[in-house]
C-alpha atoms as a PDB file:
ATOM      1  CA  UNK A   1       6.108  66.417  26.820  1.00  0.00           C
ATOM      2  CA  UNK A   2       7.746  63.625  24.901  1.00  0.00           C
ATOM      3  CA  UNK A   3       6.936  63.309  21.307  1.00  0.00           C
ATOM      4  CA  UNK A   4       6.916  60.052  19.593  1.00  0.00           C
ATOM      5  CA  UNK A   5       7.523  59.799  15.895  1.00  0.00           C
ATOM      6  CA  UNK A   6       6.235  56.920  13.999  1.00  0.00           C
ATOM      7  CA  UNK A   7       8.557  55.222  11.623  1.00  0.00           C
ATOM      8  CA  UNK A   8       5.939  53.687   9.391  1.00  0.00           C
ATOM      9  CA  UNK A   9       8.402  52.407   6.848  1.00  0.00           C
ATOM     10  CA  UNK A  10      10.301  50.384   9.434  1.00  0.00           C
ATOM     11  CA  UNK A  11       7.097  49.105  11.005  1.00  0.00           C
ATOM     12  CA  UNK A  12       5.772  47.988   7.633  1.00  0.00           C
ATOM     13  CA  UNK A  13       8.888  45.942   7.047  1.00  0.00           C
ATOM     14  CA  UNK A  14       8.503  44.189  10.388  1.00  0.00           C
ATOM     15  CA  UNK A  15       4.763  43.599  10.112  1.00  0.00           C
ATOM     16  CA  UNK A  16       3.703  40.180   9.094  1.00  0.00           C
ATOM     17  CA  UNK A  17       1.329  40.349   6.211  1.00  0.00           C
ATOM     18  CA  UNK A  18      -1.616  38.073   6.711  1.00  0.00           C
ATOM     19  CA  UNK A  19      -3.690  37.644   3.664  1.00  0.00           C
ATOM     20  CA  UNK A  20      -6.809  35.568   3.781  1.00  0.00           C
ATOM     21  CA  UNK A  21      -6.967  33.204   0.860  1.00  0.00           C
ATOM     22  CA  UNK A  22     -10.391  32.133  -0.193  1.00  0.00           C
ATOM     23  CA  UNK A  23     -10.361  28.901  -2.147  1.00  0.00           C
ATOM     24  CA  UNK A  24     -11.613  29.295  -5.659  1.00  0.00           C
ATOM     25  CA  UNK A  25     -14.435  26.890  -6.314  1.00  0.00           C
ATOM     26  CA  UNK A  26     -13.438  24.016  -8.539  1.00  0.00           C
ATOM     27  CA  UNK A  27     -15.464  24.253 -11.668  1.00  0.00           C
ATOM     28  CA  UNK A  28     -16.757  20.913 -12.760  1.00  0.00           C
ATOM     29  CA  UNK A  29     -15.915  20.204 -16.337  1.00  0.00           C
ATOM     30  CA  UNK A  30     -19.042  20.199 -18.452  1.00  0.00           C
ATOM     31  CA  UNK A  31     -19.712  16.801 -19.986  1.00  0.00           C
ATOM     32  CA  UNK A  32     -18.603  16.575 -23.566  1.00  0.00           C
ATOM     33  CA  UNK A  33     -21.411  16.791 -26.071  1.00  0.00           C
ATOM     34  CA  UNK A  34     -20.943  14.132 -28.723  1.00  0.00           C
ATOM     35  CA  UNK A  35     -22.094  14.518 -32.303  1.00  0.00           C
ATOM     36  CA  UNK A  36     -23.828  11.517 -33.865  1.00  0.00           C
ATOM     37  CA  UNK A  37     -20.965  10.844 -36.265  1.00  0.00           C
ATOM     38  CA  UNK A  38     -18.117  11.344 -33.759  1.00  0.00           C
ATOM     39  CA  UNK A  39     -15.664   8.421 -33.919  1.00  0.00           C
ATOM     40  CA  UNK A  40     -15.212   6.634 -30.590  1.00  0.00           C
ATOM     41  CA  UNK A  41     -12.232   4.298 -30.262  1.00  0.00           C
ATOM     42  CA  UNK A  42     -13.266   0.809 -29.120  1.00  0.00           C
ATOM     43  CA  UNK A  43     -10.994  -2.164 -28.321  1.00  0.00           C
ATOM     44  CA  UNK A  44     -11.958  -5.786 -28.816  1.00  0.00           C
ATOM     45  CA  UNK A  45     -11.798  -8.103 -25.810  1.00  0.00           C
ATOM     46  CA  UNK A  46     -12.944 -11.010 -27.968  1.00  0.00           C
ATOM     47  CA  UNK A  47     -10.474 -13.640 -29.100  1.00  0.00           C
ATOM     48  CA  UNK A  48     -10.679 -13.964 -32.857  1.00  0.00           C
ATOM     49  CA  UNK A  49     -12.600 -11.836 -35.341  1.00  0.00           C
ATOM     50  CA  UNK A  50     -15.480  -9.708 -34.041  1.00  0.00           C
ATOM     51  CA  UNK A  51     -18.165  -8.180 -36.269  1.00  0.00           C
ATOM     52  CA  UNK A  52     -20.796  -5.662 -35.213  1.00  0.00           C
ATOM     53  CA  UNK A  53     -23.506  -4.717 -37.750  1.00  0.00           C
ATOM     54  CA  UNK A  54     -24.772  -1.353 -36.456  1.00  0.00           C
ATOM     55  CA  UNK A  55     -28.491  -0.696 -36.701  1.00  0.00           C
ATOM     56  CA  UNK A  56     -28.284   3.132 -36.484  1.00  0.00           C
ATOM     57  CA  UNK A  57     -25.500   3.934 -38.944  1.00  0.00           C
ATOM     58  CA  UNK A  58     -25.935   0.747 -41.018  1.00  0.00           C
ATOM     59  CA  UNK A  59     -22.143   0.274 -40.860  1.00  0.00           C
ATOM     60  CA  UNK A  60     -20.358  -3.025 -40.293  1.00  0.00           C
ATOM     61  CA  UNK A  61     -17.584  -2.664 -37.725  1.00  0.00           C
ATOM     62  CA  UNK A  62     -14.898  -5.317 -37.489  1.00  0.00           C
ATOM     63  CA  UNK A  63     -12.014  -6.176 -35.197  1.00  0.00           C
ATOM     64  CA  UNK A  64      -9.416  -8.660 -36.430  1.00  0.00           C
ATOM     65  CA  UNK A  65      -8.529 -10.146 -33.035  1.00  0.00           C
ATOM     66  CA  UNK A  66      -8.246  -9.595 -29.302  1.00  0.00           C
ATOM     67  CA  UNK A  67      -6.975  -6.028 -28.447  1.00  0.00           C
ATOM     68  CA  UNK A  68      -7.583  -4.760 -32.002  1.00  0.00           C
ATOM     69  CA  UNK A  69      -9.145  -1.267 -32.109  1.00  0.00           C
ATOM     70  CA  UNK A  70     -11.803   0.226 -34.377  1.00  0.00           C
ATOM     71  CA  UNK A  71     -13.584   3.568 -34.340  1.00  0.00           C
ATOM     72  CA  UNK A  72     -17.343   3.267 -33.845  1.00  0.00           C
ATOM     73  CA  UNK A  73     -19.705   6.160 -34.542  1.00  0.00           C
ATOM     74  CA  UNK A  74     -21.130   7.622 -31.327  1.00  0.00           C
ATOM     75  CA  UNK A  75     -24.741   7.130 -32.496  1.00  0.00           C
ATOM     76  CA  UNK A  76     -24.257   3.355 -32.495  1.00  0.00           C
ATOM     77  CA  UNK A  77     -23.078   3.194 -28.878  1.00  0.00           C
ATOM     78  CA  UNK A  78     -26.167   4.726 -27.155  1.00  0.00           C
ATOM     79  CA  UNK A  79     -28.266   2.363 -29.293  1.00  0.00           C
ATOM     80  CA  UNK A  80     -26.312  -0.585 -27.862  1.00  0.00           C
ATOM     81  CA  UNK A  81     -26.542   0.834 -24.355  1.00  0.00           C
ATOM     82  CA  UNK A  82     -30.309   1.355 -24.480  1.00  0.00           C
ATOM     83  CA  UNK A  83     -30.934  -2.232 -25.633  1.00  0.00           C
ATOM     84  CA  UNK A  84     -28.471  -3.612 -23.057  1.00  0.00           C
ATOM     85  CA  UNK A  85     -26.611  -5.311 -25.868  1.00  0.00           C
ATOM     86  CA  UNK A  86     -24.057  -7.981 -25.076  1.00  0.00           C
ATOM     87  CA  UNK A  87     -21.553  -6.112 -27.243  1.00  0.00           C
ATOM     88  CA  UNK A  88     -21.211  -3.590 -24.388  1.00  0.00           C
ATOM     89  CA  UNK A  89     -22.501  -5.554 -21.399  1.00  0.00           C
ATOM     90  CA  UNK A  90     -20.815  -8.947 -21.867  1.00  0.00           C
ATOM     91  CA  UNK A  91     -18.585  -7.144 -23.202  1.00  0.00           C
ATOM     92  CA  UNK A  92     -17.239  -8.095 -26.602  1.00  0.00           C
ATOM     93  CA  UNK A  93     -15.537  -4.735 -27.034  1.00  0.00           C
ATOM     94  CA  UNK A  94     -14.797  -1.882 -24.663  1.00  0.00           C
ATOM     95  CA  UNK A  95     -15.007   1.870 -25.133  1.00  0.00           C
ATOM     96  CA  UNK A  96     -11.630   3.621 -24.899  1.00  0.00           C
ATOM     97  CA  UNK A  97     -12.972   7.222 -24.741  1.00  0.00           C
ATOM     98  CA  UNK A  98     -12.596   8.566 -21.164  1.00  0.00           C
ATOM     99  CA  UNK A  99     -15.066  11.432 -21.716  1.00  0.00           C
ATOM    100  CA  UNK A 100     -17.797   8.996 -22.691  1.00  0.00           C
ATOM    101  CA  UNK A 101     -16.965   6.608 -19.852  1.00  0.00           C
ATOM    102  CA  UNK A 102     -17.313   9.485 -17.363  1.00  0.00           C
ATOM    103  CA  UNK A 103     -20.897   9.877 -18.592  1.00  0.00           C
ATOM    104  CA  UNK A 104     -21.548   6.118 -18.483  1.00  0.00           C
ATOM    105  CA  UNK A 105     -20.066   5.027 -15.108  1.00  0.00           C
ATOM    106  CA  UNK A 106     -21.597   1.535 -15.234  1.00  0.00           C
ATOM    107  CA  UNK A 107     -19.249   0.644 -18.104  1.00  0.00           C
ATOM    108  CA  UNK A 108     -16.270   2.303 -16.463  1.00  0.00           C
ATOM    109  CA  UNK A 109     -16.651  -0.048 -13.454  1.00  0.00           C
ATOM    110  CA  UNK A 110     -17.050  -3.077 -15.721  1.00  0.00           C
ATOM    111  CA  UNK A 111     -13.978  -2.151 -17.763  1.00  0.00           C
ATOM    112  CA  UNK A 112     -11.870  -1.606 -14.639  1.00  0.00           C
ATOM    113  CA  UNK A 113     -12.674  -5.181 -13.627  1.00  0.00           C
ATOM    114  CA  UNK A 114     -11.483  -6.422 -17.026  1.00  0.00           C
ATOM    115  CA  UNK A 115      -8.366  -4.224 -17.034  1.00  0.00           C
ATOM    116  CA  UNK A 116      -7.268  -5.776 -13.732  1.00  0.00           C
ATOM    117  CA  UNK A 117      -7.038  -9.225 -15.356  1.00  0.00           C
ATOM    118  CA  UNK A 118      -3.674 -10.387 -16.650  1.00  0.00           C
ATOM    119  CA  UNK A 119      -4.598 -13.321 -18.858  1.00  0.00           C
ATOM    120  CA  UNK A 120      -1.103 -14.828 -19.013  1.00  0.00           C
ATOM    121  CA  UNK A 121      -0.755 -14.788 -15.209  1.00  0.00           C
ATOM    122  CA  UNK A 122      -4.250 -16.208 -14.880  1.00  0.00           C
ATOM    123  CA  UNK A 123      -3.186 -19.432 -16.643  1.00  0.00           C
ATOM    124  CA  UNK A 124      -0.294 -19.789 -14.179  1.00  0.00           C
ATOM    125  CA  UNK A 125      -2.673 -19.876 -11.167  1.00  0.00           C
ATOM    126  CA  UNK A 126      -3.489 -23.117  -9.331  1.00  0.00           C
ATOM    127  CA  UNK A 127      -6.751 -24.653 -10.578  1.00  0.00           C
ATOM    128  CA  UNK A 128      -8.895 -23.530  -7.615  1.00  0.00           C
ATOM    129  CA  UNK A 129      -7.667 -19.915  -7.877  1.00  0.00           C
ATOM    130  CA  UNK A 130      -8.101 -20.004 -11.651  1.00  0.00           C
ATOM    131  CA  UNK A 131     -11.735 -21.104 -11.228  1.00  0.00           C
ATOM    132  CA  UNK A 132     -12.366 -18.335  -8.679  1.00  0.00           C
ATOM    133  CA  UNK A 133     -10.824 -15.699 -10.963  1.00  0.00           C
ATOM    134  CA  UNK A 134     -12.817 -17.000 -13.925  1.00  0.00           C
ATOM    135  CA  UNK A 135     -16.039 -16.923 -11.904  1.00  0.00           C
ATOM    136  CA  UNK A 136     -15.635 -13.167 -11.263  1.00  0.00           C
ATOM    137  CA  UNK A 137     -15.187 -12.226 -14.937  1.00  0.00           C
ATOM    138  CA  UNK A 138     -17.957 -10.883 -17.187  1.00  0.00           C
ATOM    139  CA  UNK A 139     -19.612 -13.445 -19.484  1.00  0.00           C
ATOM    140  CA  UNK A 140     -18.125 -12.188 -22.757  1.00  0.00           C
ATOM    141  CA  UNK A 141     -14.642 -12.171 -21.310  1.00  0.00           C
ATOM    142  CA  UNK A 142     -15.037 -15.790 -20.172  1.00  0.00           C
ATOM    143  CA  UNK A 143     -15.584 -16.802 -23.787  1.00  0.00           C
ATOM    144  CA  UNK A 144     -12.338 -15.097 -24.743  1.00  0.00           C
ATOM    145  CA  UNK A 145     -10.503 -16.934 -21.941  1.00  0.00           C
ATOM    146  CA  UNK A 146     -11.870 -20.238 -23.259  1.00  0.00           C
ATOM    147  CA  UNK A 147     -10.716 -19.451 -26.783  1.00  0.00           C
ATOM    148  CA  UNK A 148      -7.273 -18.329 -25.598  1.00  0.00           C
ATOM    149  CA  UNK A 149      -6.954 -21.514 -23.522  1.00  0.00           C
ATOM    150  CA  UNK A 150      -7.894 -23.580 -26.577  1.00  0.00           C
ATOM    151  CA  UNK A 151      -5.231 -21.867 -28.694  1.00  0.00           C
ATOM    152  CA  UNK A 152      -2.635 -22.357 -25.927  1.00  0.00           C
ATOM    153  CA  UNK A 153      -3.489 -26.071 -25.704  1.00  0.00           C
ATOM    154  CA  UNK A 154      -3.120 -26.437 -29.481  1.00  0.00           C
ATOM    155  CA  UNK A 155       0.282 -24.712 -29.526  1.00  0.00           C
ATOM    156  CA  UNK A 156       1.448 -26.724 -26.501  1.00  0.00           C
ATOM    157  CA  UNK A 157       1.934 -23.791 -24.107  1.00  0.00           C
ATOM    158  CA  UNK A 158      -0.901 -24.993 -21.822  1.00  0.00           C
ATOM    159  CA  UNK A 159      -1.499 -28.510 -20.498  1.00  0.00           C
ATOM    160  CA  UNK A 160      -4.838 -29.901 -21.705  1.00  0.00           C
ATOM    161  CA  UNK A 161      -5.598 -31.287 -18.256  1.00  0.00           C
END
């Protein structure tokens, strides 16, 4: 009778260890809860001075010029959103807070459209392409383009034709 001894240590070294990995579920980040007085950074997309007299907080917000930033209290932004104010929908200024934009996707899409525009390159386009690009912009941004064009004509960097 032949006896067979098991060399378990040697077998364990040669065995391939297969471990089943179960993916851990990705936990969705809970939306940030904003306090009424939380400051939200907002950037002007209006050429020239922009003033916003807030109805909720009774504060007067101001931006000196295009791309200037000012902090606006959170409570004033839902008030603008609920009334479909041109300040947010035209827009005259855009919200810079990513957490808030995740909760308000309609503005995120609008702002992405604006962010894709390079104003200086836009003025270098042929007239027909310039008109097409201008046609696709939000109303408030068109006003800024007009004002920028006017300033460029006055300083001689854009032909008045």
